[in-house]
């Protein structure tokens, strides 16, 4: 015990710097939406309602319960991950970057509402934001339908 106390006595600055570095790394991971530390930005109610009116029937028709796509600070030429969870299983693939950043959509199990989490770009108006999100969602749903169509040829 005395060795530990003497270590702390003479190495306070090294321990302080190490704790600061760990804390800064955790904070930066939170800001970059990386790993298990996802910083969720709830969208304005108007945008969520407009998105829900358009896409909820399509999500319910495919039994999708969660949709996640995009990556923060991804270059325009990079492919970004897409994850869809449905009642039939999960699908993951890489898609063209829609320049949205990370988006998370959770659909209520009863299929009546959805929750939309997205850090809307600062320079986007309501119409531009809804248009961007809708375009990317249509592309993802088309890709998902193509994947399910190919999978069904192996199960018949």
Protein backbone atom coordinates (compact mmCIF):
# COMPACT_ATOMS: atom_id res chain seq x y z
CA UNK A 1 0.00 0.00 0.00
CA UNK A 2 2.80 2.40 0.81
CA UNK A 3 4.40 1.75 -2.59
CA UNK A 4 1.14 2.72 -4.29
CA UNK A 5 0.84 5.89 -2.23
CA UNK A 6 4.42 6.87 -3.01
CA UNK A 7 3.73 6.19 -6.71
CA UNK A 8 0.76 8.55 -6.57
CA UNK A 9 2.78 11.13 -4.66
CA UNK A 10 5.47 11.40 -7.32
CA UNK A 11 3.41 10.75 -10.45
CA UNK A 12 0.39 13.02 -10.03
CA UNK A 13 1.00 14.90 -13.24
CA UNK A 14 1.43 11.70 -15.29
CA UNK A 15 -1.81 10.29 -13.89
CA UNK A 16 -3.61 13.59 -14.51
CA UNK A 17 -2.43 13.70 -18.13
CA UNK A 18 -3.46 10.05 -18.66
CA UNK A 19 -6.95 10.69 -17.24
CA UNK A 20 -7.31 13.81 -19.37
CA UNK A 21 -6.33 11.86 -22.52
CA UNK A 22 -8.85 9.10 -21.75
CA UNK A 23 -11.58 11.65 -21.09
CA UNK A 24 -10.80 13.58 -24.26
CA UNK A 25 -10.82 10.38 -26.33
CA UNK A 26 -14.25 9.44 -24.97
CA UNK A 27 -15.60 12.93 -25.66
CA UNK A 28 -14.23 12.91 -29.22
CA UNK A 29 -15.69 9.45 -29.90
CA UNK A 30 -19.05 10.77 -28.72
CA UNK A 31 -18.85 13.74 -31.08
CA UNK A 32 -17.84 11.55 -34.04
CA UNK A 33 -20.70 9.11 -33.41
CA UNK A 34 -18.28 6.22 -33.26
CA UNK A 35 -18.43 2.95 -31.45
CA UNK A 36 -21.06 2.41 -28.78
CA UNK A 37 -21.20 6.14 -28.01
CA UNK A 38 -23.89 7.42 -30.35
CA UNK A 39 -24.94 11.03 -29.85
CA UNK A 40 -28.58 11.16 -30.92
CA UNK A 41 -30.03 14.38 -32.25
CA UNK A 42 -33.82 14.35 -32.20
CA UNK A 43 -35.24 16.05 -35.27
CA UNK A 44 -37.87 18.81 -35.19
CA UNK A 45 -41.42 17.52 -34.87
CA UNK A 46 -42.47 18.98 -38.24
CA UNK A 47 -39.75 17.07 -40.11
CA UNK A 48 -40.46 13.86 -38.23
CA UNK A 49 -44.20 14.12 -38.95
CA UNK A 50 -43.66 14.77 -42.67
CA UNK A 51 -41.19 11.88 -42.91
CA UNK A 52 -43.55 9.61 -40.99
CA UNK A 53 -46.49 10.42 -43.26
CA UNK A 54 -44.43 9.51 -46.31
CA UNK A 55 -42.47 6.45 -45.21
CA UNK A 56 -44.33 4.71 -42.37
CA UNK A 57 -46.54 2.63 -44.73
CA UNK A 58 -43.45 1.46 -46.62
CA UNK A 59 -41.65 0.49 -43.41
CA UNK A 60 -44.73 -1.35 -42.14
CA UNK A 61 -45.17 -3.18 -45.45
CA UNK A 62 -41.63 -4.52 -45.16
CA UNK A 63 -41.88 -5.13 -41.37
CA UNK A 64 -38.87 -2.89 -40.76
CA UNK A 65 -38.35 -1.95 -37.11
CA UNK A 66 -35.07 -0.04 -37.37
CA UNK A 67 -33.07 1.67 -40.08
CA UNK A 68 -29.62 3.15 -39.63
CA UNK A 69 -27.37 4.63 -42.29
CA UNK A 70 -24.61 7.13 -42.87
CA UNK A 71 -21.42 8.07 -41.12
CA UNK A 72 -20.25 11.39 -39.82
CA UNK A 73 -17.45 13.09 -41.75
CA UNK A 74 -17.53 10.50 -44.55
CA UNK A 75 -16.01 11.67 -47.82
CA UNK A 76 -18.37 11.92 -50.78
CA UNK A 77 -16.66 9.03 -52.57
CA UNK A 78 -16.80 6.68 -49.56
CA UNK A 79 -19.44 4.02 -49.15
CA UNK A 80 -21.31 4.17 -45.85
CA UNK A 81 -22.92 1.40 -43.79
CA UNK A 82 -26.64 0.69 -43.96
CA UNK A 83 -28.32 -1.49 -41.32
CA UNK A 84 -31.95 -2.57 -41.48
CA UNK A 85 -33.60 -4.62 -38.76
CA UNK A 86 -36.89 -6.27 -39.60
CA UNK A 87 -39.03 -8.97 -38.06
CA UNK A 88 -37.43 -11.42 -40.50
CA UNK A 89 -33.80 -10.61 -39.71
CA UNK A 90 -31.09 -8.02 -40.08
CA UNK A 91 -29.41 -6.83 -43.26
CA UNK A 92 -26.19 -4.84 -43.52
CA UNK A 93 -24.43 -3.51 -46.60
CA UNK A 94 -22.42 -0.56 -47.87
CA UNK A 95 -24.18 2.05 -49.97
CA UNK A 96 -23.22 5.22 -51.79
CA UNK A 97 -22.78 8.18 -49.49
CA UNK A 98 -25.94 10.29 -49.43
CA UNK A 99 -24.10 13.01 -47.48
CA UNK A 100 -26.60 12.90 -44.63
CA UNK A 101 -24.29 11.94 -41.79
CA UNK A 102 -25.56 9.35 -39.32
CA UNK A 103 -29.31 8.76 -39.34
CA UNK A 104 -31.25 6.44 -37.02
CA UNK A 105 -34.92 5.62 -37.52
CA UNK A 106 -36.77 3.47 -34.99
CA UNK A 107 -40.24 2.26 -35.89
CA UNK A 108 -42.74 1.50 -33.14
CA UNK A 109 -43.50 -2.26 -32.98
CA UNK A 110 -47.21 -1.54 -33.48
CA UNK A 111 -46.24 0.38 -36.61
CA UNK A 112 -48.01 3.60 -35.65
CA UNK A 113 -45.10 6.01 -35.08
CA UNK A 114 -41.41 6.36 -35.74
CA UNK A 115 -38.54 8.17 -34.06
CA UNK A 116 -36.06 9.98 -36.27
CA UNK A 117 -32.58 10.92 -35.04
CA UNK A 118 -30.46 13.04 -37.35
CA UNK A 119 -28.00 15.88 -36.99
CA UNK A 120 -29.49 18.08 -39.71
CA UNK A 121 -26.87 20.06 -41.63
CA UNK A 122 -26.95 23.72 -40.59
CA UNK A 123 -27.39 25.09 -44.10
CA UNK A 124 -30.47 22.99 -44.94
CA UNK A 125 -33.98 24.39 -44.94
CA UNK A 126 -36.96 22.20 -44.06
CA UNK A 127 -37.74 21.36 -47.69
CA UNK A 128 -34.09 20.63 -48.51
CA UNK A 129 -33.68 18.42 -45.43
CA UNK A 130 -36.83 16.44 -46.13
CA UNK A 131 -35.87 16.07 -49.79
CA UNK A 132 -32.35 14.85 -48.97
CA UNK A 133 -33.58 12.38 -46.37
CA UNK A 134 -36.38 11.13 -48.64
CA UNK A 135 -34.04 10.60 -51.61
CA UNK A 136 -31.60 8.59 -49.53
CA UNK A 137 -34.40 6.57 -47.93
CA UNK A 138 -35.93 5.72 -51.32
CA UNK A 139 -32.53 4.52 -52.54
CA UNK A 140 -32.05 2.38 -49.43
CA UNK A 141 -35.52 0.85 -49.69
CA UNK A 142 -34.86 0.00 -53.36
CA UNK A 143 -31.57 -1.67 -52.43
CA UNK A 144 -33.29 -3.55 -49.60
CA UNK A 145 -35.99 -4.80 -51.98
CA UNK A 146 -33.29 -5.96 -54.41
CA UNK A 147 -31.49 -7.84 -51.63
CA UNK A 148 -34.70 -9.50 -50.45
CA UNK A 149 -35.61 -10.43 -54.03
CA UNK A 150 -32.25 -12.15 -54.54
CA UNK A 151 -32.52 -13.89 -51.17
CA UNK A 152 -35.97 -15.21 -52.04
CA UNK A 153 -34.59 -17.00 -55.11
CA UNK A 154 -32.50 -19.16 -52.79
CA UNK A 155 -35.33 -20.05 -50.42
CA UNK A 156 -37.99 -21.05 -52.98
